N, C-alpha and C. Protein backbone atom coordinates (compact mmCIF):
# COMPACT_ATOMS: atom_id res chain seq x y z
N MET A 1 11.87 -29.45 -30.67
CA MET A 1 11.46 -28.45 -31.65
C MET A 1 12.52 -28.42 -32.74
N THR A 2 12.07 -28.23 -33.94
CA THR A 2 13.01 -28.11 -35.06
C THR A 2 13.32 -26.65 -35.31
N ASP A 3 14.46 -26.42 -35.93
CA ASP A 3 14.84 -25.05 -36.26
C ASP A 3 13.83 -24.38 -37.17
N THR A 4 13.15 -25.16 -38.02
CA THR A 4 12.19 -24.57 -38.96
C THR A 4 10.94 -24.07 -38.25
N SER A 5 10.61 -24.64 -37.09
CA SER A 5 9.43 -24.17 -36.36
C SER A 5 9.77 -23.08 -35.35
N LEU A 6 11.04 -22.73 -35.30
CA LEU A 6 11.49 -21.70 -34.37
C LEU A 6 11.22 -20.32 -34.95
N THR A 7 10.48 -19.51 -34.22
CA THR A 7 10.17 -18.16 -34.67
C THR A 7 10.65 -17.17 -33.62
N PRO A 8 10.82 -15.91 -34.01
CA PRO A 8 11.20 -14.90 -33.01
C PRO A 8 10.22 -14.85 -31.82
N ASP A 9 8.93 -14.96 -32.09
CA ASP A 9 7.96 -14.91 -30.99
C ASP A 9 8.12 -16.09 -30.03
N ARG A 10 8.38 -17.28 -30.57
CA ARG A 10 8.58 -18.45 -29.70
C ARG A 10 9.84 -18.26 -28.86
N ILE A 11 10.87 -17.70 -29.47
CA ILE A 11 12.10 -17.44 -28.72
C ILE A 11 11.84 -16.42 -27.62
N LEU A 12 11.10 -15.36 -27.94
CA LEU A 12 10.81 -14.34 -26.93
C LEU A 12 9.95 -14.91 -25.80
N ASP A 13 8.98 -15.76 -26.14
CA ASP A 13 8.17 -16.40 -25.10
C ASP A 13 9.05 -17.22 -24.17
N ALA A 14 9.94 -18.02 -24.77
CA ALA A 14 10.84 -18.85 -23.96
C ALA A 14 11.79 -17.99 -23.12
N THR A 15 12.25 -16.90 -23.71
CA THR A 15 13.15 -16.00 -22.99
C THR A 15 12.46 -15.42 -21.76
N GLU A 16 11.20 -15.05 -21.92
CA GLU A 16 10.45 -14.54 -20.76
C GLU A 16 10.36 -15.59 -19.66
N GLN A 17 10.14 -16.84 -20.04
CA GLN A 17 10.06 -17.90 -19.04
C GLN A 17 11.41 -18.13 -18.36
N VAL A 18 12.48 -18.07 -19.15
CA VAL A 18 13.83 -18.23 -18.59
C VAL A 18 14.15 -17.07 -17.64
N LEU A 19 13.78 -15.87 -18.04
CA LEU A 19 14.00 -14.71 -17.18
C LEU A 19 13.22 -14.85 -15.87
N ARG A 20 12.02 -15.36 -15.98
CA ARG A 20 11.19 -15.57 -14.78
C ARG A 20 11.87 -16.59 -13.85
N ARG A 21 12.45 -17.62 -14.44
CA ARG A 21 13.06 -18.69 -13.64
C ARG A 21 14.40 -18.30 -13.04
N PHE A 22 15.25 -17.67 -13.85
CA PHE A 22 16.62 -17.41 -13.41
C PHE A 22 16.91 -15.95 -13.06
N GLY A 23 16.06 -15.03 -13.51
CA GLY A 23 16.32 -13.61 -13.30
C GLY A 23 17.23 -13.06 -14.39
N PRO A 24 17.26 -11.75 -14.55
CA PRO A 24 18.02 -11.15 -15.65
C PRO A 24 19.53 -11.31 -15.53
N ASP A 25 20.04 -11.46 -14.31
CA ASP A 25 21.49 -11.57 -14.13
C ASP A 25 22.03 -12.95 -14.48
N LYS A 26 21.20 -13.98 -14.34
CA LYS A 26 21.69 -15.35 -14.55
C LYS A 26 21.16 -16.00 -15.83
N ALA A 27 20.13 -15.46 -16.43
CA ALA A 27 19.56 -16.06 -17.65
C ALA A 27 20.55 -15.93 -18.80
N THR A 28 20.71 -17.02 -19.56
CA THR A 28 21.63 -17.02 -20.69
C THR A 28 20.91 -17.47 -21.96
N VAL A 29 21.56 -17.25 -23.08
CA VAL A 29 21.02 -17.72 -24.36
C VAL A 29 20.99 -19.25 -24.36
N VAL A 30 21.96 -19.88 -23.74
CA VAL A 30 21.98 -21.34 -23.65
C VAL A 30 20.75 -21.83 -22.88
N ASP A 31 20.34 -21.12 -21.83
CA ASP A 31 19.13 -21.49 -21.08
C ASP A 31 17.90 -21.40 -21.98
N VAL A 32 17.84 -20.37 -22.78
CA VAL A 32 16.70 -20.22 -23.71
C VAL A 32 16.70 -21.36 -24.72
N ALA A 33 17.87 -21.67 -25.26
CA ALA A 33 17.97 -22.76 -26.23
C ALA A 33 17.54 -24.09 -25.60
N ARG A 34 17.98 -24.33 -24.37
CA ARG A 34 17.57 -25.57 -23.67
C ARG A 34 16.05 -25.62 -23.50
N ALA A 35 15.47 -24.49 -23.14
CA ALA A 35 14.01 -24.45 -22.95
C ALA A 35 13.27 -24.77 -24.24
N LEU A 36 13.87 -24.45 -25.35
CA LEU A 36 13.25 -24.70 -26.66
C LEU A 36 13.74 -26.00 -27.30
N ASP A 37 14.70 -26.64 -26.65
CA ASP A 37 15.29 -27.88 -27.17
C ASP A 37 15.92 -27.67 -28.55
N VAL A 38 16.68 -26.59 -28.66
CA VAL A 38 17.43 -26.29 -29.88
C VAL A 38 18.85 -25.89 -29.47
N SER A 39 19.72 -25.76 -30.46
CA SER A 39 21.07 -25.30 -30.16
C SER A 39 21.05 -23.78 -29.95
N HIS A 40 22.03 -23.28 -29.20
CA HIS A 40 22.06 -21.82 -29.00
C HIS A 40 22.34 -21.10 -30.32
N GLY A 41 22.98 -21.79 -31.28
CA GLY A 41 23.19 -21.20 -32.60
C GLY A 41 21.88 -20.89 -33.30
N SER A 42 20.85 -21.72 -33.02
CA SER A 42 19.52 -21.47 -33.62
C SER A 42 18.94 -20.15 -33.12
N ILE A 43 19.20 -19.85 -31.86
CA ILE A 43 18.72 -18.59 -31.30
C ILE A 43 19.44 -17.43 -31.98
N TYR A 44 20.75 -17.58 -32.17
CA TYR A 44 21.55 -16.52 -32.78
C TYR A 44 21.19 -16.26 -34.24
N ARG A 45 20.54 -17.22 -34.88
CA ARG A 45 20.08 -16.97 -36.26
C ARG A 45 18.95 -15.93 -36.28
N HIS A 46 18.24 -15.83 -35.18
CA HIS A 46 17.13 -14.86 -35.09
C HIS A 46 17.55 -13.58 -34.35
N PHE A 47 18.43 -13.73 -33.38
CA PHE A 47 18.91 -12.60 -32.58
C PHE A 47 20.43 -12.70 -32.54
N PRO A 48 21.14 -11.73 -33.10
CA PRO A 48 22.58 -11.86 -33.28
C PRO A 48 23.41 -11.85 -31.99
N SER A 49 22.80 -11.48 -30.87
CA SER A 49 23.54 -11.43 -29.62
C SER A 49 22.57 -11.54 -28.45
N LYS A 50 23.13 -11.81 -27.28
CA LYS A 50 22.32 -11.82 -26.05
C LYS A 50 21.68 -10.45 -25.84
N ALA A 51 22.44 -9.40 -26.11
CA ALA A 51 21.90 -8.04 -25.95
C ALA A 51 20.72 -7.81 -26.88
N ALA A 52 20.83 -8.28 -28.12
CA ALA A 52 19.72 -8.11 -29.08
C ALA A 52 18.48 -8.86 -28.61
N LEU A 53 18.68 -10.04 -28.05
CA LEU A 53 17.55 -10.81 -27.52
C LEU A 53 16.90 -10.09 -26.34
N ARG A 54 17.71 -9.61 -25.45
CA ARG A 54 17.17 -8.89 -24.29
C ARG A 54 16.47 -7.59 -24.72
N ASP A 55 17.05 -6.91 -25.71
CA ASP A 55 16.41 -5.69 -26.24
C ASP A 55 15.03 -6.02 -26.81
N ALA A 56 14.94 -7.13 -27.53
CA ALA A 56 13.66 -7.53 -28.14
C ALA A 56 12.62 -7.86 -27.08
N VAL A 57 13.05 -8.49 -25.99
CA VAL A 57 12.13 -8.78 -24.89
C VAL A 57 11.62 -7.46 -24.29
N ALA A 58 12.53 -6.53 -24.04
CA ALA A 58 12.14 -5.23 -23.48
C ALA A 58 11.20 -4.50 -24.43
N GLU A 59 11.54 -4.51 -25.72
CA GLU A 59 10.71 -3.81 -26.70
C GLU A 59 9.30 -4.40 -26.76
N ARG A 60 9.21 -5.72 -26.73
CA ARG A 60 7.89 -6.36 -26.77
C ARG A 60 7.08 -5.99 -25.53
N TRP A 61 7.72 -5.99 -24.37
CA TRP A 61 7.02 -5.63 -23.13
C TRP A 61 6.51 -4.19 -23.20
N LEU A 62 7.36 -3.29 -23.66
CA LEU A 62 6.96 -1.89 -23.76
C LEU A 62 5.86 -1.70 -24.78
N HIS A 63 5.90 -2.48 -25.88
CA HIS A 63 4.83 -2.39 -26.88
C HIS A 63 3.49 -2.85 -26.30
N ARG A 64 3.54 -3.85 -25.43
CA ARG A 64 2.30 -4.32 -24.78
C ARG A 64 1.67 -3.21 -23.94
N VAL A 65 2.49 -2.32 -23.43
CA VAL A 65 1.97 -1.18 -22.69
C VAL A 65 1.34 -0.17 -23.65
N ALA A 66 2.02 0.09 -24.76
CA ALA A 66 1.60 1.16 -25.68
C ALA A 66 0.41 0.79 -26.55
N ALA A 67 0.24 -0.48 -26.89
CA ALA A 67 -0.81 -0.87 -27.84
C ALA A 67 -2.22 -0.47 -27.39
N PRO A 68 -2.65 -0.77 -26.15
CA PRO A 68 -4.00 -0.34 -25.76
C PRO A 68 -4.14 1.18 -25.68
N LEU A 69 -3.03 1.85 -25.42
CA LEU A 69 -3.07 3.32 -25.37
C LEU A 69 -3.30 3.89 -26.76
N GLU A 70 -2.75 3.24 -27.77
CA GLU A 70 -2.96 3.68 -29.16
C GLU A 70 -4.44 3.64 -29.52
N ALA A 71 -5.13 2.61 -29.06
CA ALA A 71 -6.56 2.51 -29.33
C ALA A 71 -7.32 3.67 -28.70
N ILE A 72 -6.93 4.06 -27.52
CA ILE A 72 -7.57 5.20 -26.86
C ILE A 72 -7.27 6.48 -27.63
N ALA A 73 -6.02 6.67 -28.01
CA ALA A 73 -5.63 7.88 -28.73
C ALA A 73 -6.36 8.00 -30.07
N ALA A 74 -6.62 6.86 -30.71
CA ALA A 74 -7.26 6.87 -32.03
C ALA A 74 -8.79 6.91 -31.96
N ALA A 75 -9.35 6.70 -30.80
CA ALA A 75 -10.81 6.65 -30.65
C ALA A 75 -11.43 8.03 -30.83
N ASP A 76 -12.71 8.03 -31.14
CA ASP A 76 -13.46 9.27 -31.21
C ASP A 76 -13.72 9.78 -29.80
N GLY A 77 -14.03 11.06 -29.71
CA GLY A 77 -14.38 11.61 -28.41
C GLY A 77 -13.68 12.93 -28.16
N LEU A 78 -14.10 13.60 -27.12
CA LEU A 78 -13.50 14.87 -26.76
C LEU A 78 -12.08 14.64 -26.24
N ALA A 79 -11.19 15.50 -26.64
CA ALA A 79 -9.78 15.33 -26.33
C ALA A 79 -9.49 15.31 -24.83
N ASP A 80 -10.18 16.14 -24.06
CA ASP A 80 -9.89 16.16 -22.63
C ASP A 80 -10.27 14.83 -21.97
N ALA A 81 -11.42 14.28 -22.32
CA ALA A 81 -11.83 12.99 -21.78
C ALA A 81 -10.92 11.87 -22.29
N LYS A 82 -10.51 11.96 -23.54
CA LYS A 82 -9.64 10.94 -24.12
C LYS A 82 -8.26 10.95 -23.46
N LEU A 83 -7.72 12.14 -23.23
CA LEU A 83 -6.41 12.24 -22.58
C LEU A 83 -6.49 11.70 -21.15
N ARG A 84 -7.56 11.98 -20.47
CA ARG A 84 -7.75 11.45 -19.11
C ARG A 84 -7.80 9.93 -19.15
N ARG A 85 -8.57 9.33 -20.09
CA ARG A 85 -8.64 7.87 -20.22
C ARG A 85 -7.27 7.28 -20.54
N TRP A 86 -6.52 7.97 -21.42
CA TRP A 86 -5.20 7.51 -21.82
C TRP A 86 -4.28 7.45 -20.60
N LEU A 87 -4.26 8.50 -19.81
CA LEU A 87 -3.41 8.53 -18.62
C LEU A 87 -3.86 7.49 -17.59
N GLU A 88 -5.15 7.37 -17.39
CA GLU A 88 -5.66 6.39 -16.44
C GLU A 88 -5.27 4.97 -16.85
N GLU A 89 -5.33 4.68 -18.16
CA GLU A 89 -4.95 3.34 -18.64
C GLU A 89 -3.46 3.09 -18.46
N LEU A 90 -2.64 4.08 -18.76
CA LEU A 90 -1.20 3.94 -18.57
C LEU A 90 -0.89 3.66 -17.10
N ILE A 91 -1.49 4.44 -16.23
CA ILE A 91 -1.26 4.28 -14.79
C ILE A 91 -1.76 2.91 -14.32
N ALA A 92 -2.95 2.52 -14.75
CA ALA A 92 -3.53 1.24 -14.33
C ALA A 92 -2.67 0.07 -14.79
N GLN A 93 -2.18 0.13 -16.02
CA GLN A 93 -1.33 -0.95 -16.53
C GLN A 93 -0.08 -1.12 -15.68
N LYS A 94 0.59 -0.01 -15.40
CA LYS A 94 1.83 -0.08 -14.64
C LYS A 94 1.55 -0.60 -13.22
N ARG A 95 0.49 -0.13 -12.59
CA ARG A 95 0.17 -0.60 -11.24
C ARG A 95 -0.15 -2.09 -11.25
N ARG A 96 -0.90 -2.55 -12.27
CA ARG A 96 -1.22 -3.98 -12.36
C ARG A 96 0.04 -4.82 -12.49
N LYS A 97 0.96 -4.35 -13.33
CA LYS A 97 2.19 -5.11 -13.55
C LYS A 97 3.00 -5.23 -12.25
N VAL A 98 3.05 -4.17 -11.48
CA VAL A 98 3.77 -4.22 -10.21
C VAL A 98 3.04 -5.11 -9.21
N ARG A 99 1.74 -4.95 -9.12
CA ARG A 99 0.95 -5.69 -8.14
C ARG A 99 0.86 -7.18 -8.49
N ASP A 100 0.63 -7.50 -9.76
CA ASP A 100 0.40 -8.89 -10.15
C ASP A 100 1.67 -9.72 -10.25
N ASP A 101 2.78 -9.10 -10.61
CA ASP A 101 4.01 -9.86 -10.79
C ASP A 101 5.22 -8.95 -10.56
N PRO A 102 5.47 -8.60 -9.29
CA PRO A 102 6.53 -7.63 -9.00
C PRO A 102 7.92 -8.08 -9.45
N GLU A 103 8.20 -9.38 -9.40
CA GLU A 103 9.51 -9.85 -9.82
C GLU A 103 9.71 -9.65 -11.32
N MET A 104 8.69 -9.98 -12.12
CA MET A 104 8.83 -9.79 -13.57
C MET A 104 8.84 -8.30 -13.92
N PHE A 105 8.09 -7.50 -13.17
CA PHE A 105 8.13 -6.06 -13.40
C PHE A 105 9.57 -5.56 -13.19
N ALA A 106 10.19 -5.99 -12.11
CA ALA A 106 11.57 -5.58 -11.84
C ALA A 106 12.51 -6.08 -12.94
N THR A 107 12.27 -7.28 -13.43
CA THR A 107 13.09 -7.83 -14.52
C THR A 107 12.94 -6.99 -15.77
N TYR A 108 11.71 -6.68 -16.13
CA TYR A 108 11.49 -5.87 -17.33
C TYR A 108 12.08 -4.47 -17.20
N VAL A 109 11.96 -3.91 -16.02
CA VAL A 109 12.55 -2.59 -15.79
C VAL A 109 14.06 -2.66 -15.97
N ALA A 110 14.68 -3.71 -15.44
CA ALA A 110 16.13 -3.88 -15.59
C ALA A 110 16.50 -4.03 -17.07
N LEU A 111 15.73 -4.82 -17.81
CA LEU A 111 16.00 -4.99 -19.24
C LEU A 111 15.82 -3.67 -19.99
N ALA A 112 14.77 -2.95 -19.64
CA ALA A 112 14.51 -1.67 -20.32
C ALA A 112 15.63 -0.67 -20.04
N GLN A 113 16.17 -0.68 -18.83
CA GLN A 113 17.27 0.23 -18.51
C GLN A 113 18.51 -0.10 -19.32
N GLU A 114 18.70 -1.38 -19.63
CA GLU A 114 19.83 -1.78 -20.47
C GLU A 114 19.59 -1.39 -21.93
N SER A 115 18.35 -1.33 -22.33
CA SER A 115 17.99 -1.14 -23.73
C SER A 115 17.47 0.28 -23.97
N ARG A 116 18.38 1.24 -23.96
CA ARG A 116 17.97 2.64 -24.12
C ARG A 116 17.24 2.87 -25.44
N GLY A 117 17.63 2.16 -26.49
CA GLY A 117 16.95 2.33 -27.77
C GLY A 117 15.49 1.96 -27.69
N ALA A 118 15.19 0.84 -27.03
CA ALA A 118 13.80 0.41 -26.87
C ALA A 118 13.02 1.41 -26.04
N VAL A 119 13.64 1.92 -24.99
CA VAL A 119 12.97 2.91 -24.14
C VAL A 119 12.73 4.19 -24.92
N ASP A 120 13.72 4.63 -25.66
CA ASP A 120 13.56 5.86 -26.45
C ASP A 120 12.43 5.72 -27.47
N ARG A 121 12.34 4.55 -28.12
CA ARG A 121 11.25 4.32 -29.09
C ARG A 121 9.90 4.28 -28.38
N HIS A 122 9.87 3.69 -27.20
CA HIS A 122 8.64 3.62 -26.42
C HIS A 122 8.17 5.02 -26.02
N VAL A 123 9.09 5.82 -25.51
CA VAL A 123 8.74 7.18 -25.11
C VAL A 123 8.28 7.97 -26.32
N ALA A 124 8.94 7.80 -27.45
CA ALA A 124 8.52 8.49 -28.67
C ALA A 124 7.11 8.06 -29.09
N GLU A 125 6.81 6.77 -28.93
CA GLU A 125 5.46 6.28 -29.25
C GLU A 125 4.42 6.90 -28.33
N LEU A 126 4.72 6.94 -27.03
CA LEU A 126 3.79 7.55 -26.08
C LEU A 126 3.59 9.03 -26.38
N LEU A 127 4.69 9.72 -26.64
CA LEU A 127 4.59 11.15 -26.96
C LEU A 127 3.77 11.38 -28.22
N GLY A 128 3.93 10.52 -29.21
CA GLY A 128 3.14 10.64 -30.44
C GLY A 128 1.65 10.47 -30.17
N GLN A 129 1.31 9.53 -29.29
CA GLN A 129 -0.09 9.32 -28.95
C GLN A 129 -0.66 10.53 -28.22
N ILE A 130 0.08 11.03 -27.24
CA ILE A 130 -0.39 12.21 -26.51
C ILE A 130 -0.53 13.39 -27.46
N ARG A 131 0.46 13.56 -28.32
CA ARG A 131 0.41 14.68 -29.25
C ARG A 131 -0.81 14.58 -30.17
N ALA A 132 -1.13 13.38 -30.64
CA ALA A 132 -2.31 13.21 -31.50
C ALA A 132 -3.58 13.65 -30.76
N ILE A 133 -3.67 13.31 -29.49
CA ILE A 133 -4.83 13.73 -28.70
C ILE A 133 -4.84 15.26 -28.54
N ILE A 134 -3.70 15.83 -28.24
CA ILE A 134 -3.62 17.28 -28.04
C ILE A 134 -3.91 18.01 -29.36
N ASP A 135 -3.33 17.54 -30.45
CA ASP A 135 -3.59 18.20 -31.74
C ASP A 135 -5.06 18.14 -32.12
N ALA A 136 -5.70 16.99 -31.86
CA ALA A 136 -7.13 16.88 -32.13
C ALA A 136 -7.91 17.84 -31.23
N GLY A 137 -7.47 17.96 -29.98
CA GLY A 137 -8.11 18.90 -29.06
C GLY A 137 -7.97 20.33 -29.50
N CYS A 138 -6.82 20.67 -30.07
CA CYS A 138 -6.62 22.03 -30.59
C CYS A 138 -7.51 22.27 -31.80
N ALA A 139 -7.62 21.27 -32.66
CA ALA A 139 -8.46 21.39 -33.85
C ALA A 139 -9.93 21.58 -33.47
N ASP A 140 -10.33 20.97 -32.36
CA ASP A 140 -11.73 21.07 -31.91
C ASP A 140 -11.95 22.22 -30.92
N ALA A 141 -10.93 23.05 -30.72
CA ALA A 141 -10.99 24.18 -29.79
C ALA A 141 -11.31 23.74 -28.36
N VAL A 142 -10.78 22.58 -27.99
CA VAL A 142 -10.87 22.11 -26.60
C VAL A 142 -9.58 22.50 -25.87
N PHE A 143 -8.45 22.36 -26.60
CA PHE A 143 -7.14 22.74 -26.07
C PHE A 143 -6.62 23.94 -26.86
N PHE A 144 -5.77 24.70 -26.21
CA PHE A 144 -5.17 25.88 -26.84
C PHE A 144 -3.69 25.91 -26.50
N VAL A 145 -2.90 25.23 -27.32
CA VAL A 145 -1.46 25.22 -27.12
C VAL A 145 -0.79 25.52 -28.45
N ALA A 146 0.33 26.21 -28.39
CA ALA A 146 1.04 26.60 -29.62
C ALA A 146 1.90 25.48 -30.16
N ASP A 147 2.42 24.62 -29.29
CA ASP A 147 3.35 23.59 -29.71
C ASP A 147 2.89 22.24 -29.14
N GLY A 148 2.26 21.44 -30.00
CA GLY A 148 1.72 20.15 -29.56
C GLY A 148 2.78 19.20 -29.05
N ALA A 149 3.95 19.20 -29.68
CA ALA A 149 5.04 18.31 -29.25
C ALA A 149 5.52 18.69 -27.85
N ALA A 150 5.71 19.97 -27.61
CA ALA A 150 6.16 20.42 -26.29
C ALA A 150 5.10 20.14 -25.24
N ALA A 151 3.84 20.33 -25.60
CA ALA A 151 2.76 20.07 -24.66
C ALA A 151 2.69 18.59 -24.32
N ALA A 152 2.87 17.72 -25.31
CA ALA A 152 2.84 16.27 -25.08
C ALA A 152 3.96 15.88 -24.12
N ARG A 153 5.16 16.40 -24.34
CA ARG A 153 6.29 16.09 -23.47
C ARG A 153 5.99 16.59 -22.04
N ALA A 154 5.40 17.77 -21.92
CA ALA A 154 5.09 18.32 -20.60
C ALA A 154 4.06 17.44 -19.88
N VAL A 155 3.07 16.94 -20.59
CA VAL A 155 2.06 16.06 -19.98
C VAL A 155 2.71 14.78 -19.47
N LEU A 156 3.56 14.17 -20.29
CA LEU A 156 4.21 12.93 -19.88
C LEU A 156 5.12 13.16 -18.68
N GLN A 157 5.86 14.25 -18.70
CA GLN A 157 6.76 14.55 -17.59
C GLN A 157 5.99 14.93 -16.32
N ALA A 158 4.93 15.69 -16.47
CA ALA A 158 4.15 16.12 -15.30
C ALA A 158 3.49 14.95 -14.58
N THR A 159 3.19 13.89 -15.32
CA THR A 159 2.49 12.75 -14.74
C THR A 159 3.42 11.57 -14.45
N ALA A 160 4.72 11.76 -14.60
CA ALA A 160 5.68 10.66 -14.47
C ALA A 160 5.59 9.95 -13.12
N ARG A 161 5.32 10.66 -12.07
CA ARG A 161 5.26 10.02 -10.74
C ARG A 161 4.23 8.90 -10.70
N PHE A 162 3.24 8.98 -11.55
CA PHE A 162 2.13 8.04 -11.50
C PHE A 162 2.30 6.84 -12.43
N HIS A 163 3.30 6.89 -13.35
CA HIS A 163 3.47 5.78 -14.29
C HIS A 163 4.91 5.39 -14.57
N HIS A 164 5.87 6.20 -14.22
CA HIS A 164 7.26 5.84 -14.49
C HIS A 164 7.74 4.82 -13.46
N PRO A 165 8.36 3.72 -13.91
CA PRO A 165 8.79 2.67 -12.98
C PRO A 165 9.70 3.16 -11.85
N ALA A 166 10.41 4.24 -12.05
CA ALA A 166 11.27 4.76 -10.98
C ALA A 166 10.46 5.15 -9.74
N HIS A 167 9.17 5.38 -9.92
CA HIS A 167 8.31 5.80 -8.82
C HIS A 167 7.41 4.68 -8.30
N ALA A 168 7.65 3.44 -8.73
CA ALA A 168 6.76 2.33 -8.38
C ALA A 168 6.56 2.18 -6.88
N ALA A 169 7.57 2.46 -6.10
CA ALA A 169 7.45 2.32 -4.63
C ALA A 169 6.42 3.29 -4.05
N GLU A 170 6.12 4.36 -4.78
CA GLU A 170 5.16 5.37 -4.30
C GLU A 170 3.72 5.03 -4.65
N TRP A 171 3.49 4.04 -5.51
CA TRP A 171 2.15 3.80 -6.03
C TRP A 171 1.19 3.22 -5.02
N ASP A 172 1.68 2.75 -3.89
CA ASP A 172 0.79 2.27 -2.83
C ASP A 172 0.43 3.37 -1.84
N ASP A 173 0.98 4.54 -2.02
CA ASP A 173 0.68 5.67 -1.14
C ASP A 173 -0.82 5.96 -1.20
N PRO A 174 -1.51 5.99 -0.06
CA PRO A 174 -2.95 6.24 -0.07
C PRO A 174 -3.33 7.60 -0.66
N GLN A 175 -2.39 8.51 -0.73
CA GLN A 175 -2.62 9.86 -1.26
C GLN A 175 -2.42 9.94 -2.78
N ILE A 176 -1.93 8.86 -3.40
CA ILE A 176 -1.49 8.94 -4.79
C ILE A 176 -2.60 9.34 -5.75
N ASP A 177 -3.81 8.84 -5.55
CA ASP A 177 -4.90 9.18 -6.47
C ASP A 177 -5.32 10.64 -6.32
N ARG A 178 -5.29 11.14 -5.09
CA ARG A 178 -5.60 12.56 -4.89
C ARG A 178 -4.51 13.43 -5.50
N ASP A 179 -3.27 12.98 -5.38
CA ASP A 179 -2.18 13.72 -6.01
C ASP A 179 -2.34 13.75 -7.53
N PHE A 180 -2.75 12.61 -8.10
CA PHE A 180 -2.97 12.59 -9.54
C PHE A 180 -4.07 13.58 -9.93
N GLU A 181 -5.14 13.62 -9.16
CA GLU A 181 -6.23 14.56 -9.46
C GLU A 181 -5.72 15.99 -9.49
N ALA A 182 -4.88 16.35 -8.55
CA ALA A 182 -4.34 17.71 -8.50
C ALA A 182 -3.48 17.99 -9.73
N VAL A 183 -2.63 17.03 -10.08
CA VAL A 183 -1.77 17.21 -11.26
C VAL A 183 -2.63 17.26 -12.52
N TRP A 184 -3.63 16.38 -12.61
CA TRP A 184 -4.51 16.36 -13.78
C TRP A 184 -5.17 17.72 -13.98
N HIS A 185 -5.68 18.32 -12.92
CA HIS A 185 -6.35 19.63 -13.06
C HIS A 185 -5.39 20.72 -13.52
N LEU A 186 -4.16 20.66 -13.05
CA LEU A 186 -3.17 21.63 -13.53
C LEU A 186 -2.83 21.41 -14.99
N VAL A 187 -2.65 20.16 -15.39
CA VAL A 187 -2.35 19.83 -16.79
C VAL A 187 -3.51 20.29 -17.68
N LEU A 188 -4.71 19.96 -17.27
CA LEU A 188 -5.89 20.33 -18.06
C LEU A 188 -6.02 21.84 -18.17
N ALA A 189 -5.78 22.55 -17.09
CA ALA A 189 -5.85 24.01 -17.12
C ALA A 189 -4.81 24.55 -18.10
N GLY A 190 -3.62 23.99 -18.09
CA GLY A 190 -2.59 24.44 -19.02
C GLY A 190 -2.97 24.20 -20.46
N LEU A 191 -3.52 23.02 -20.75
CA LEU A 191 -3.91 22.69 -22.12
C LEU A 191 -5.08 23.55 -22.59
N LYS A 192 -5.94 23.93 -21.66
CA LYS A 192 -7.11 24.74 -22.03
C LYS A 192 -6.80 26.24 -21.95
N GLY A 193 -5.54 26.55 -21.81
CA GLY A 193 -5.17 27.96 -21.75
C GLY A 193 -5.52 28.62 -20.45
N GLY A 194 -5.51 27.83 -19.37
CA GLY A 194 -5.77 28.39 -18.05
C GLY A 194 -7.22 28.29 -17.63
N ALA A 195 -8.09 27.70 -18.48
CA ALA A 195 -9.51 27.66 -18.17
C ALA A 195 -10.01 26.23 -18.00
N ALA A 196 -9.52 25.52 -16.96
CA ALA A 196 -10.01 24.15 -16.70
C ALA A 196 -11.28 24.26 -15.94
């Protein structure tokens, strides 16, 4: 590959493959460069450090989670049904990632923990999507909350057991879906002013 055909996306694709092969503790920029058949200096022209490269991988992974959720948040429909679909999609994505490729899930979680900025931007993106749904619900008199931002944060925190990677070991619990239903009804009752 020539340096002129090297793009950030190609580097990130190769980095994901290197991470899959060597794991986050042993993968190096030199390994990525070898995979692309370029010098490691070529990688540094796009990403100024190993940390920047790892941050970009984490950010891209987190964006892949948020993008389909944005489509749900922006879709037409009643806010309560839309918020339920949004949460179900978030939960389903995380469970699929753990079930389909547990080693890469663990790698991405490790990278995300190193990259607080990427995680903070991801959480802000999720909160913005939830808030848009809640604000639309308030405008349509489906929800009744005084502070959409606080309500969005409460929804994300209340449902964390079902989608936050720290709880991944609990997702195989046969009771987990019933637990989600109970939490969902409480969240919905709160958003509707106690009238779920």
